[in-house]
PDB file of N, CA and C in Angstrom:
ATOM      1  N   UNK A   1      47.109 -17.451   9.200  1.00  0.00           N
ATOM      2  CA  UNK A   1      48.392 -17.202   9.816  1.00  0.00           C
ATOM      3  C   UNK A   1      48.718 -15.721   9.716  1.00  0.00           C
ATOM      4  N   UNK A   2      49.505 -15.252  10.643  1.00  0.00           N
ATOM      5  CA  UNK A   2      49.892 -13.846  10.632  1.00  0.00           C
ATOM      6  C   UNK A   2      50.721 -13.510   9.413  1.00  0.00           C
ATOM      7  N   UNK A   3      51.534 -14.460   8.969  1.00  0.00           N
ATOM      8  CA  UNK A   3      52.449 -14.133   7.889  1.00  0.00           C
ATOM      9  C   UNK A   3      53.074 -15.370   7.298  1.00  0.00           C
ATOM     10  N   UNK A   4      53.715 -15.152   6.189  1.00  0.00           N
ATOM     11  CA  UNK A   4      54.610 -16.144   5.608  1.00  0.00           C
ATOM     12  C   UNK A   4      55.935 -15.444   5.338  1.00  0.00           C
ATOM     13  N   UNK A   5      56.265 -14.535   6.209  1.00  0.00           N
ATOM     14  CA  UNK A   5      57.497 -13.769   6.099  1.00  0.00           C
ATOM     15  C   UNK A   5      58.624 -14.476   6.834  1.00  0.00           C
ATOM     16  N   UNK A   6      59.840 -14.037   6.533  1.00  0.00           N
ATOM     17  CA  UNK A   6      60.972 -14.507   7.324  1.00  0.00           C
ATOM     18  C   UNK A   6      61.080 -13.580   8.530  1.00  0.00           C
ATOM     19  N   UNK A   7      60.955 -14.140   9.697  1.00  0.00           N
ATOM     20  CA  UNK A   7      61.057 -13.383  10.943  1.00  0.00           C
ATOM     21  C   UNK A   7      62.422 -13.639  11.553  1.00  0.00           C
ATOM     22  N   UNK A   8      62.795 -12.817  12.529  1.00  0.00           N
ATOM     23  CA  UNK A   8      64.086 -13.018  13.174  1.00  0.00           C
ATOM     24  C   UNK A   8      64.022 -12.662  14.647  1.00  0.00           C
ATOM     25  N   UNK A   9      64.782 -13.415  15.403  1.00  0.00           N
ATOM     26  CA  UNK A   9      65.013 -13.124  16.810  1.00  0.00           C
ATOM     27  C   UNK A   9      66.518 -13.274  17.040  1.00  0.00           C
ATOM     28  N   UNK A  10      66.976 -12.834  18.199  1.00  0.00           N
ATOM     29  CA  UNK A  10      68.407 -12.833  18.502  1.00  0.00           C
ATOM     30  C   UNK A  10      68.676 -13.581  19.809  1.00  0.00           C
ATOM     31  N   UNK A  11      68.713 -14.917  19.758  1.00  0.00           N
ATOM     32  CA  UNK A  11      68.999 -15.685  20.967  1.00  0.00           C
ATOM     33  C   UNK A  11      70.416 -15.454  21.480  1.00  0.00           C
ATOM     34  N   UNK A  12      70.580 -15.660  22.781  1.00  0.00           N
ATOM     35  CA  UNK A  12      71.886 -15.541  23.430  1.00  0.00           C
ATOM     36  C   UNK A  12      71.860 -16.423  24.673  1.00  0.00           C
ATOM     37  N   UNK A  13      73.032 -16.686  25.212  1.00  0.00           N
ATOM     38  CA  UNK A  13      73.117 -17.495  26.435  1.00  0.00           C
ATOM     39  C   UNK A  13      72.992 -16.592  27.660  1.00  0.00           C
ATOM     40  N   UNK A  14      72.172 -17.034  28.590  1.00  0.00           N
ATOM     41  CA  UNK A  14      72.032 -16.339  29.867  1.00  0.00           C
ATOM     42  C   UNK A  14      72.057 -17.403  30.957  1.00  0.00           C
ATOM     43  N   UNK A  15      73.075 -17.334  31.795  1.00  0.00           N
ATOM     44  CA  UNK A  15      73.243 -18.323  32.876  1.00  0.00           C
ATOM     45  C   UNK A  15      73.206 -19.755  32.339  1.00  0.00           C
ATOM     46  N   UNK A  16      73.821 -19.942  31.192  1.00  0.00           N
ATOM     47  CA  UNK A  16      73.971 -21.279  30.630  1.00  0.00           C
ATOM     48  C   UNK A  16      72.811 -21.779  29.787  1.00  0.00           C
ATOM     49  N   UNK A  17      71.751 -20.986  29.606  1.00  0.00           N
ATOM     50  CA  UNK A  17      70.640 -21.452  28.768  1.00  0.00           C
ATOM     51  C   UNK A  17      70.391 -20.458  27.635  1.00  0.00           C
ATOM     52  N   UNK A  18      69.844 -20.966  26.545  1.00  0.00           N
ATOM     53  CA  UNK A  18      69.488 -20.116  25.419  1.00  0.00           C
ATOM     54  C   UNK A  18      68.196 -19.382  25.729  1.00  0.00           C
ATOM     55  N   UNK A  19      68.206 -18.064  25.552  1.00  0.00           N
ATOM     56  CA  UNK A  19      67.035 -17.213  25.761  1.00  0.00           C
ATOM     57  C   UNK A  19      66.973 -16.187  24.630  1.00  0.00           C
ATOM     58  N   UNK A  20      65.848 -15.471  24.561  1.00  0.00           N
ATOM     59  CA  UNK A  20      65.745 -14.366  23.608  1.00  0.00           C
ATOM     60  C   UNK A  20      64.811 -13.300  24.163  1.00  0.00           C
ATOM     61  N   UNK A  21      64.975 -12.106  23.636  1.00  0.00           N
ATOM     62  CA  UNK A  21      64.125 -10.972  23.989  1.00  0.00           C
ATOM     63  C   UNK A  21      63.364 -10.550  22.736  1.00  0.00           C
ATOM     64  N   UNK A  22      62.149 -10.090  22.914  1.00  0.00           N
ATOM     65  CA  UNK A  22      61.398  -9.492  21.813  1.00  0.00           C
ATOM     66  C   UNK A  22      60.429  -8.484  22.427  1.00  0.00           C
ATOM     67  N   UNK A  23      60.852  -7.244  22.473  1.00  0.00           N
ATOM     68  CA  UNK A  23      60.062  -6.185  23.109  1.00  0.00           C
ATOM     69  C   UNK A  23      58.712  -5.999  22.429  1.00  0.00           C
ATOM     70  N   UNK A  24      58.625  -6.220  21.126  1.00  0.00           N
ATOM     71  CA  UNK A  24      57.357  -6.038  20.414  1.00  0.00           C
ATOM     72  C   UNK A  24      56.288  -7.011  20.898  1.00  0.00           C
ATOM     73  N   UNK A  25      56.713  -8.163  21.368  1.00  0.00           N
ATOM     74  CA  UNK A  25      55.763  -9.168  21.839  1.00  0.00           C
ATOM     75  C   UNK A  25      55.746  -9.236  23.369  1.00  0.00           C
ATOM     76  N   UNK A  26      56.704  -8.600  23.996  1.00  0.00           N
ATOM     77  CA  UNK A  26      56.741  -8.571  25.448  1.00  0.00           C
ATOM     78  C   UNK A  26      57.561  -9.676  26.079  1.00  0.00           C
ATOM     79  N   UNK A  27      58.519 -10.224  25.347  1.00  0.00           N
ATOM     80  CA  UNK A  27      59.363 -11.285  25.879  1.00  0.00           C
ATOM     81  C   UNK A  27      60.693 -10.717  26.351  1.00  0.00           C
ATOM     82  N   UNK A  28      61.111 -11.161  27.518  1.00  0.00           N
ATOM     83  CA  UNK A  28      62.421 -10.810  28.045  1.00  0.00           C
ATOM     84  C   UNK A  28      63.028 -12.070  28.639  1.00  0.00           C
ATOM     85  N   UNK A  29      64.167 -12.456  28.126  1.00  0.00           N
ATOM     86  CA  UNK A  29      64.858 -13.672  28.535  1.00  0.00           C
ATOM     87  C   UNK A  29      63.927 -14.887  28.497  1.00  0.00           C
ATOM     88  N   UNK A  30      63.162 -14.985  27.421  1.00  0.00           N
ATOM     89  CA  UNK A  30      62.276 -16.131  27.194  1.00  0.00           C
ATOM     90  C   UNK A  30      63.155 -17.350  26.913  1.00  0.00           C
ATOM     91  N   UNK A  31      63.059 -18.393  27.727  1.00  0.00           N
ATOM     92  CA  UNK A  31      63.971 -19.528  27.558  1.00  0.00           C
ATOM     93  C   UNK A  31      63.519 -20.501  26.473  1.00  0.00           C
ATOM     94  N   UNK A  32      64.489 -21.129  25.846  1.00  0.00           N
ATOM     95  CA  UNK A  32      64.232 -22.255  24.958  1.00  0.00           C
ATOM     96  C   UNK A  32      64.328 -23.508  25.819  1.00  0.00           C
ATOM     97  N   UNK A  33      63.346 -24.397  25.726  1.00  0.00           N
ATOM     98  CA  UNK A  33      63.295 -25.605  26.555  1.00  0.00           C
ATOM     99  C   UNK A  33      62.884 -26.799  25.698  1.00  0.00           C
ATOM    100  N   UNK A  34      62.839 -27.955  26.304  1.00  0.00           N
ATOM    101  CA  UNK A  34      62.246 -29.141  25.704  1.00  0.00           C
ATOM    102  C   UNK A  34      62.759 -29.537  24.340  1.00  0.00           C
ATOM    103  N   UNK A  35      64.056 -29.631  24.163  1.00  0.00           N
ATOM    104  CA  UNK A  35      64.633 -30.050  22.897  1.00  0.00           C
ATOM    105  C   UNK A  35      65.116 -28.894  22.037  1.00  0.00           C
ATOM    106  N   UNK A  36      64.582 -27.702  22.231  1.00  0.00           N
ATOM    107  CA  UNK A  36      65.012 -26.543  21.437  1.00  0.00           C
ATOM    108  C   UNK A  36      66.491 -26.214  21.644  1.00  0.00           C
ATOM    109  N   UNK A  37      67.030 -26.303  22.874  1.00  0.00           N
ATOM    110  CA  UNK A  37      68.468 -26.031  23.025  1.00  0.00           C
ATOM    111  C   UNK A  37      69.345 -26.979  22.200  1.00  0.00           C
ATOM    112  N   UNK A  38      68.930 -28.223  22.083  1.00  0.00           N
ATOM    113  CA  UNK A  38      69.696 -29.182  21.296  1.00  0.00           C
ATOM    114  C   UNK A  38      69.650 -28.817  19.807  1.00  0.00           C
ATOM    115  N   UNK A  39      68.497 -28.365  19.341  1.00  0.00           N
ATOM    116  CA  UNK A  39      68.379 -27.910  17.952  1.00  0.00           C
ATOM    117  C   UNK A  39      69.274 -26.705  17.728  1.00  0.00           C
ATOM    118  N   UNK A  40      69.233 -25.756  18.638  1.00  0.00           N
ATOM    119  CA  UNK A  40      70.067 -24.558  18.509  1.00  0.00           C
ATOM    120  C   UNK A  40      71.544 -24.931  18.475  1.00  0.00           C
ATOM    121  N   UNK A  41      71.955 -25.835  19.351  1.00  0.00           N
ATOM    122  CA  UNK A  41      73.367 -26.233  19.386  1.00  0.00           C
ATOM    123  C   UNK A  41      73.836 -26.770  18.037  1.00  0.00           C
ATOM    124  N   UNK A  42      72.978 -27.505  17.342  1.00  0.00           N
ATOM    125  CA  UNK A  42      73.334 -28.011  16.015  1.00  0.00           C
ATOM    126  C   UNK A  42      73.376 -26.865  15.003  1.00  0.00           C
ATOM    127  N   UNK A  43      72.381 -25.994  15.032  1.00  0.00           N
ATOM    128  CA  UNK A  43      72.319 -24.891  14.071  1.00  0.00           C
ATOM    129  C   UNK A  43      73.510 -23.944  14.176  1.00  0.00           C
ATOM    130  N   UNK A  44      74.028 -23.760  15.388  1.00  0.00           N
ATOM    131  CA  UNK A  44      75.086 -22.758  15.601  1.00  0.00           C
ATOM    132  C   UNK A  44      76.494 -23.350  15.675  1.00  0.00           C
ATOM    133  N   UNK A  45      76.643 -24.628  15.462  1.00  0.00           N
ATOM    134  CA  UNK A  45      77.946 -25.273  15.678  1.00  0.00           C
ATOM    135  C   UNK A  45      79.083 -24.690  14.855  1.00  0.00           C
ATOM    136  N   UNK A  46      78.783 -24.031  13.742  1.00  0.00           N
ATOM    137  CA  UNK A  46      79.841 -23.445  12.919  1.00  0.00           C
ATOM    138  C   UNK A  46      79.963 -21.937  13.085  1.00  0.00           C
ATOM    139  N   UNK A  47      79.288 -21.377  14.076  1.00  0.00           N
ATOM    140  CA  UNK A  47      79.367 -19.934  14.326  1.00  0.00           C
ATOM    141  C   UNK A  47      80.376 -19.706  15.449  1.00  0.00           C
ATOM    142  N   UNK A  48      81.525 -19.100  15.158  1.00  0.00           N
ATOM    143  CA  UNK A  48      82.588 -18.986  16.161  1.00  0.00           C
ATOM    144  C   UNK A  48      82.252 -18.056  17.332  1.00  0.00           C
ATOM    145  N   UNK A  49      81.438 -17.067  17.143  1.00  0.00           N
ATOM    146  CA  UNK A  49      81.144 -16.093  18.204  1.00  0.00           C
ATOM    147  C   UNK A  49      79.758 -16.315  18.807  1.00  0.00           C
ATOM    148  N   UNK A  50      79.296 -17.540  18.804  1.00  0.00           N
ATOM    149  CA  UNK A  50      77.909 -17.817  19.173  1.00  0.00           C
ATOM    150  C   UNK A  50      77.572 -17.441  20.614  1.00  0.00           C
ATOM    151  N   UNK A  51      78.533 -17.470  21.521  1.00  0.00           N
ATOM    152  CA  UNK A  51      78.226 -17.122  22.908  1.00  0.00           C
ATOM    153  C   UNK A  51      77.792 -15.666  23.061  1.00  0.00           C
ATOM    154  N   UNK A  52      78.127 -14.836  22.070  1.00  0.00           N
ATOM    155  CA  UNK A  52      77.681 -13.443  22.067  1.00  0.00           C
ATOM    156  C   UNK A  52      76.273 -13.305  21.508  1.00  0.00           C
ATOM    157  N   UNK A  53      75.727 -14.398  21.013  1.00  0.00           N
ATOM    158  CA  UNK A  53      74.394 -14.396  20.425  1.00  0.00           C
ATOM    159  C   UNK A  53      74.469 -14.644  18.930  1.00  0.00           C
ATOM    160  N   UNK A  54      73.316 -14.790  18.326  1.00  0.00           N
ATOM    161  CA  UNK A  54      73.221 -15.033  16.892  1.00  0.00           C
ATOM    162  C   UNK A  54      71.834 -14.617  16.412  1.00  0.00           C
ATOM    163  N   UNK A  55      71.686 -14.554  15.093  1.00  0.00           N
ATOM    164  CA  UNK A  55      70.384 -14.243  14.500  1.00  0.00           C
ATOM    165  C   UNK A  55      69.728 -15.560  14.115  1.00  0.00           C
ATOM    166  N   UNK A  56      68.478 -15.757  14.530  1.00  0.00           N
ATOM    167  CA  UNK A  56      67.706 -16.931  14.153  1.00  0.00           C
ATOM    168  C   UNK A  56      66.589 -16.477  13.224  1.00  0.00           C
ATOM    169  N   UNK A  57      66.684 -16.907  11.958  1.00  0.00           N
ATOM    170  CA  UNK A  57      65.658 -16.619  10.971  1.00  0.00           C
ATOM    171  C   UNK A  57      64.680 -17.783  10.965  1.00  0.00           C
ATOM    172  N   UNK A  58      63.374 -17.501  10.839  1.00  0.00           N
ATOM    173  CA  UNK A  58      62.390 -18.579  10.796  1.00  0.00           C
ATOM    174  C   UNK A  58      61.147 -18.140  10.033  1.00  0.00           C
ATOM    175  N   UNK A  59      60.469 -19.118   9.468  1.00  0.00           N
ATOM    176  CA  UNK A  59      59.288 -18.866   8.663  1.00  0.00           C
ATOM    177  C   UNK A  59      58.456 -20.135   8.582  1.00  0.00           C
ATOM    178  N   UNK A  60      57.197 -19.977   8.186  1.00  0.00           N
ATOM    179  CA  UNK A  60      56.350 -21.144   7.962  1.00  0.00           C
ATOM    180  C   UNK A  60      56.431 -21.617   6.509  1.00  0.00           C
ATOM    181  N   UNK A  61      57.265 -20.957   5.708  1.00  0.00           N
ATOM    182  CA  UNK A  61      57.510 -21.381   4.327  1.00  0.00           C
ATOM    183  C   UNK A  61      59.022 -21.494   4.113  1.00  0.00           C
ATOM    184  N   UNK A  62      59.450 -22.379   3.232  1.00  0.00           N
ATOM    185  CA  UNK A  62      60.889 -22.528   2.988  1.00  0.00           C
ATOM    186  C   UNK A  62      61.490 -21.236   2.438  1.00  0.00           C
ATOM    187  N   UNK A  63      62.748 -20.984   2.788  1.00  0.00           N
ATOM    188  CA  UNK A  63      63.466 -19.830   2.259  1.00  0.00           C
ATOM    189  C   UNK A  63      64.896 -20.259   1.932  1.00  0.00           C
ATOM    190  N   UNK A  64      65.540 -19.483   1.080  1.00  0.00           N
ATOM    191  CA  UNK A  64      66.872 -19.803   0.600  1.00  0.00           C
ATOM    192  C   UNK A  64      67.854 -19.991   1.761  1.00  0.00           C
ATOM    193  N   UNK A  65      68.490 -21.143   1.803  1.00  0.00           N
ATOM    194  CA  UNK A  65      69.515 -21.408   2.803  1.00  0.00           C
ATOM    195  C   UNK A  65      69.027 -21.908   4.150  1.00  0.00           C
ATOM    196  N   UNK A  66      67.734 -22.209   4.303  1.00  0.00           N
ATOM    197  CA  UNK A  66      67.275 -22.697   5.614  1.00  0.00           C
ATOM    198  C   UNK A  66      68.050 -23.959   5.983  1.00  0.00           C
ATOM    199  N   UNK A  67      68.281 -24.135   7.288  1.00  0.00           N
ATOM    200  CA  UNK A  67      69.063 -25.280   7.778  1.00  0.00           C
ATOM    201  C   UNK A  67      68.202 -26.416   8.298  1.00  0.00           C
ATOM    202  N   UNK A  68      67.018 -26.093   8.780  1.00  0.00           N
ATOM    203  CA  UNK A  68      66.189 -27.113   9.423  1.00  0.00           C
ATOM    204  C   UNK A  68      64.734 -26.940   9.039  1.00  0.00           C
ATOM    205  N   UNK A  69      64.077 -28.062   8.840  1.00  0.00           N
ATOM    206  CA  UNK A  69      62.637 -28.097   8.631  1.00  0.00           C
ATOM    207  C   UNK A  69      62.052 -28.841   9.829  1.00  0.00           C
ATOM    208  N   UNK A  70      61.291 -28.127  10.636  1.00  0.00           N
ATOM    209  CA  UNK A  70      60.657 -28.714  11.810  1.00  0.00           C
ATOM    210  C   UNK A  70      59.211 -29.008  11.476  1.00  0.00           C
ATOM    211  N   UNK A  71      58.778 -30.225  11.719  1.00  0.00           N
ATOM    212  CA  UNK A  71      57.440 -30.667  11.343  1.00  0.00           C
ATOM    213  C   UNK A  71      56.580 -30.816  12.588  1.00  0.00           C
ATOM    214  N   UNK A  72      55.379 -30.204  12.538  1.00  0.00           N
ATOM    215  CA  UNK A  72      54.443 -30.253  13.668  1.00  0.00           C
ATOM    216  C   UNK A  72      54.015 -31.686  13.932  1.00  0.00           C
ATOM    217  N   UNK A  73      53.946 -32.039  15.228  1.00  0.00           N
ATOM    218  CA  UNK A  73      53.555 -33.393  15.612  1.00  0.00           C
ATOM    219  C   UNK A  73      52.274 -33.412  16.443  1.00  0.00           C
ATOM    220  N   UNK A  74      52.237 -32.581  17.511  1.00  0.00           N
ATOM    221  CA  UNK A  74      51.079 -32.639  18.411  1.00  0.00           C
ATOM    222  C   UNK A  74      51.090 -31.440  19.356  1.00  0.00           C
ATOM    223  N   UNK A  75      49.963 -31.241  20.020  1.00  0.00           N
ATOM    224  CA  UNK A  75      49.816 -30.210  21.040  1.00  0.00           C
ATOM    225  C   UNK A  75      49.912 -30.871  22.413  1.00  0.00           C
ATOM    226  N   UNK A  76      50.618 -30.197  23.337  1.00  0.00           N
ATOM    227  CA  UNK A  76      50.694 -30.690  24.718  1.00  0.00           C
ATOM    228  C   UNK A  76      51.009 -29.523  25.639  1.00  0.00           C
ATOM    229  N   UNK A  77      50.296 -29.421  26.761  1.00  0.00           N
ATOM    230  CA  UNK A  77      50.504 -28.363  27.748  1.00  0.00           C
ATOM    231  C   UNK A  77      50.466 -26.970  27.112  1.00  0.00           C
ATOM    232  N   UNK A  78      49.494 -26.745  26.240  1.00  0.00           N
ATOM    233  CA  UNK A  78      49.295 -25.468  25.545  1.00  0.00           C
ATOM    234  C   UNK A  78      50.441 -25.118  24.601  1.00  0.00           C
ATOM    235  N   UNK A  79      51.385 -26.009  24.421  1.00  0.00           N
ATOM    236  CA  UNK A  79      52.496 -25.794  23.497  1.00  0.00           C
ATOM    237  C   UNK A  79      52.436 -26.793  22.363  1.00  0.00           C
ATOM    238  N   UNK A  80      53.434 -26.726  21.498  1.00  0.00           N
ATOM    239  CA  UNK A  80      53.446 -27.546  20.292  1.00  0.00           C
ATOM    240  C   UNK A  80      54.740 -28.345  20.198  1.00  0.00           C
ATOM    241  N   UNK A  81      54.611 -29.604  19.842  1.00  0.00           N
ATOM    242  CA  UNK A  81      55.770 -30.457  19.599  1.00  0.00           C
ATOM    243  C   UNK A  81      56.082 -30.478  18.110  1.00  0.00           C
ATOM    244  N   UNK A  82      57.369 -30.294  17.799  1.00  0.00           N
ATOM    245  CA  UNK A  82      57.873 -30.355  16.427  1.00  0.00           C
ATOM    246  C   UNK A  82      59.008 -31.370  16.373  1.00  0.00           C
ATOM    247  N   UNK A  83      59.245 -31.909  15.180  1.00  0.00           N
ATOM    248  CA  UNK A  83      60.313 -32.880  14.994  1.00  0.00           C
ATOM    249  C   UNK A  83      61.223 -32.430  13.861  1.00  0.00           C
ATOM    250  N   UNK A  84      62.526 -32.487  14.112  1.00  0.00           N
ATOM    251  CA  UNK A  84      63.526 -32.282  13.069  1.00  0.00           C
ATOM    252  C   UNK A  84      63.961 -33.685  12.673  1.00  0.00           C
ATOM    253  N   UNK A  85      63.359 -34.199  11.637  1.00  0.00           N
ATOM    254  CA  UNK A  85      63.524 -35.596  11.246  1.00  0.00           C
ATOM    255  C   UNK A  85      64.982 -35.951  10.970  1.00  0.00           C
ATOM    256  N   UNK A  86      65.700 -35.084  10.228  1.00  0.00           N
ATOM    257  CA  UNK A  86      67.081 -35.399   9.852  1.00  0.00           C
ATOM    258  C   UNK A  86      67.979 -35.661  11.059  1.00  0.00           C
ATOM    259  N   UNK A  87      67.709 -34.984  12.166  1.00  0.00           N
ATOM    260  CA  UNK A  87      68.541 -35.163  13.361  1.00  0.00           C
ATOM    261  C   UNK A  87      67.829 -35.910  14.486  1.00  0.00           C
ATOM    262  N   UNK A  88      66.643 -36.408  14.207  1.00  0.00           N
ATOM    263  CA  UNK A  88      65.881 -37.209  15.178  1.00  0.00           C
ATOM    264  C   UNK A  88      65.728 -36.485  16.519  1.00  0.00           C
ATOM    265  N   UNK A  89      65.340 -35.204  16.440  1.00  0.00           N
ATOM    266  CA  UNK A  89      65.143 -34.400  17.649  1.00  0.00           C
ATOM    267  C   UNK A  89      63.711 -33.893  17.680  1.00  0.00           C
ATOM    268  N   UNK A  90      63.056 -34.083  18.814  1.00  0.00           N
ATOM    269  CA  UNK A  90      61.749 -33.487  19.040  1.00  0.00           C
ATOM    270  C   UNK A  90      61.932 -32.286  19.960  1.00  0.00           C
ATOM    271  N   UNK A  91      61.119 -31.264  19.722  1.00  0.00           N
ATOM    272  CA  UNK A  91      61.215 -30.055  20.530  1.00  0.00           C
ATOM    273  C   UNK A  91      59.823 -29.518  20.832  1.00  0.00           C
ATOM    274  N   UNK A  92      59.648 -29.061  22.055  1.00  0.00           N
ATOM    275  CA  UNK A  92      58.391 -28.451  22.481  1.00  0.00           C
ATOM    276  C   UNK A  92      58.545 -26.940  22.438  1.00  0.00           C
ATOM    277  N   UNK A  93      57.617 -26.274  21.774  1.00  0.00           N
ATOM    278  CA  UNK A  93      57.584 -24.817  21.731  1.00  0.00           C
ATOM    279  C   UNK A  93      56.414 -24.343  22.568  1.00  0.00           C
ATOM    280  N   UNK A  94      56.706 -23.479  23.525  1.00  0.00           N
ATOM    281  CA  UNK A  94      55.689 -22.995  24.445  1.00  0.00           C
ATOM    282  C   UNK A  94      54.681 -22.099  23.705  1.00  0.00           C
ATOM    283  N   UNK A  95      53.609 -21.703  24.376  1.00  0.00           N
ATOM    284  CA  UNK A  95      52.592 -20.882  23.727  1.00  0.00           C
ATOM    285  C   UNK A  95      53.106 -19.555  23.161  1.00  0.00           C
ATOM    286  N   UNK A  96      54.310 -19.141  23.516  1.00  0.00           N
ATOM    287  CA  UNK A  96      54.849 -17.904  22.949  1.00  0.00           C
ATOM    288  C   UNK A  96      55.021 -18.014  21.426  1.00  0.00           C
ATOM    289  N   UNK A  97      55.013 -19.226  20.884  1.00  0.00           N
ATOM    290  CA  UNK A  97      55.048 -19.413  19.435  1.00  0.00           C
ATOM    291  C   UNK A  97      53.922 -18.629  18.773  1.00  0.00           C
ATOM    292  N   UNK A  98      52.796 -18.514  19.467  1.00  0.00           N
ATOM    293  CA  UNK A  98      51.644 -17.814  18.908  1.00  0.00           C
ATOM    294  C   UNK A  98      51.822 -16.302  18.917  1.00  0.00           C
ATOM    295  N   UNK A  99      52.926 -15.815  19.449  1.00  0.00           N
ATOM    296  CA  UNK A  99      53.278 -14.413  19.288  1.00  0.00           C
ATOM    297  C   UNK A  99      53.744 -14.131  17.867  1.00  0.00           C
ATOM    298  N   UNK A 100      54.090 -15.184  17.126  1.00  0.00           N
ATOM    299  CA  UNK A 100      54.599 -15.055  15.766  1.00  0.00           C
ATOM    300  C   UNK A 100      53.652 -15.630  14.712  1.00  0.00           C
ATOM    301  N   UNK A 101      52.815 -16.564  15.113  1.00  0.00           N
ATOM    302  CA  UNK A 101      51.878 -17.211  14.197  1.00  0.00           C
ATOM    303  C   UNK A 101      50.481 -17.206  14.827  1.00  0.00           C
ATOM    304  N   UNK A 102      49.454 -17.041  13.999  1.00  0.00           N
ATOM    305  CA  UNK A 102      48.072 -17.095  14.495  1.00  0.00           C
ATOM    306  C   UNK A 102      47.719 -18.474  15.021  1.00  0.00           C
ATOM    307  N   UNK A 103      48.272 -19.477  14.380  1.00  0.00           N
ATOM    308  CA  UNK A 103      48.077 -20.861  14.798  1.00  0.00           C
ATOM    309  C   UNK A 103      49.396 -21.593  14.559  1.00  0.00           C
ATOM    310  N   UNK A 104      49.597 -22.706  15.214  1.00  0.00           N
ATOM    311  CA  UNK A 104      50.861 -23.431  15.010  1.00  0.00           C
ATOM    312  C   UNK A 104      51.011 -23.850  13.550  1.00  0.00           C
ATOM    313  N   UNK A 105      52.104 -23.470  12.909  1.00  0.00           N
ATOM    314  CA  UNK A 105      52.293 -23.872  11.511  1.00  0.00           C
ATOM    315  C   UNK A 105      52.603 -25.359  11.401  1.00  0.00           C
ATOM    316  N   UNK A 106      52.282 -25.927  10.249  1.00  0.00           N
ATOM    317  CA  UNK A 106      52.595 -27.339  10.012  1.00  0.00           C
ATOM    318  C   UNK A 106      54.092 -27.571   9.925  1.00  0.00           C
ATOM    319  N   UNK A 107      54.807 -26.544   9.466  1.00  0.00           N
ATOM    320  CA  UNK A 107      56.258 -26.630   9.360  1.00  0.00           C
ATOM    321  C   UNK A 107      56.870 -25.288   9.738  1.00  0.00           C
ATOM    322  N   UNK A 108      58.044 -25.366  10.346  1.00  0.00           N
ATOM    323  CA  UNK A 108      58.827 -24.172  10.636  1.00  0.00           C
ATOM    324  C   UNK A 108      60.209 -24.397  10.029  1.00  0.00           C
ATOM    325  N   UNK A 109      60.640 -23.442   9.226  1.00  0.00           N
ATOM    326  CA  UNK A 109      61.950 -23.492   8.593  1.00  0.00           C
ATOM    327  C   UNK A 109      62.833 -22.486   9.310  1.00  0.00           C
ATOM    328  N   UNK A 110      64.077 -22.856   9.608  1.00  0.00           N
ATOM    329  CA  UNK A 110      64.923 -21.941  10.363  1.00  0.00           C
ATOM    330  C   UNK A 110      66.383 -22.025   9.935  1.00  0.00           C
ATOM    331  N   UNK A 111      67.088 -20.950  10.282  1.00  0.00           N
ATOM    332  CA  UNK A 111      68.498 -20.826   9.963  1.00  0.00           C
ATOM    333  C   UNK A 111      69.152 -19.935  11.006  1.00  0.00           C
ATOM    334  N   UNK A 112      70.338 -20.318  11.455  1.00  0.00           N
ATOM    335  CA  UNK A 112      71.132 -19.511  12.385  1.00  0.00           C
ATOM    336  C   UNK A 112      72.230 -18.802  11.619  1.00  0.00           C
ATOM    337  N   UNK A 113      72.442 -17.522  11.945  1.00  0.00           N
ATOM    338  CA  UNK A 113      73.484 -16.739  11.318  1.00  0.00           C
ATOM    339  C   UNK A 113      74.293 -15.986  12.367  1.00  0.00           C
ATOM    340  N   UNK A 114      75.534 -15.760  12.060  1.00  0.00           N
ATOM    341  CA  UNK A 114      76.386 -14.962  12.924  1.00  0.00           C
ATOM    342  C   UNK A 114      75.873 -13.518  12.978  1.00  0.00           C
ATOM    343  N   UNK A 115      76.124 -12.864  14.079  1.00  0.00           N
ATOM    344  CA  UNK A 115      75.817 -11.437  14.178  1.00  0.00           C
ATOM    345  C   UNK A 115      76.802 -10.621  13.372  1.00  0.00           C
ATOM    346  N   UNK A 116      77.936 -11.234  13.053  1.00  0.00           N
ATOM    347  CA  UNK A 116      79.017 -10.545  12.342  1.00  0.00           C
ATOM    348  C   UNK A 116      79.199 -11.190  10.983  1.00  0.00           C
ATOM    349  N   UNK A 117      78.853 -10.487   9.949  1.00  0.00           N
ATOM    350  CA  UNK A 117      78.963 -11.051   8.592  1.00  0.00           C
ATOM    351  C   UNK A 117      80.306 -10.846   8.005  1.00  0.00           C
TER     352      UNK A 117
END
């Protein structure tokens, strides 16, 4: 794997959908699809300024304060399916996941934070 670090991206709403940019990897308005928007909606429900965007922390190892543990299920259409068991949500992550990991991790831990502390 590329790392076991805590990484971060800054999702925001664009035309009603969650997207993110990451110039280092070459992503611009990369959309979240296939169950990921539902996961995000749960993670950000207590962030009052969420429409302005938020910080999404994620790692392949647990970290202090993580909100969700997503467990790898299967590969489909060059992407990866993960399940958030506690909320009974499955989500498909497109191949852009490999911009952050050498291979799909068995688990992804994540946390949403306000841009304003």
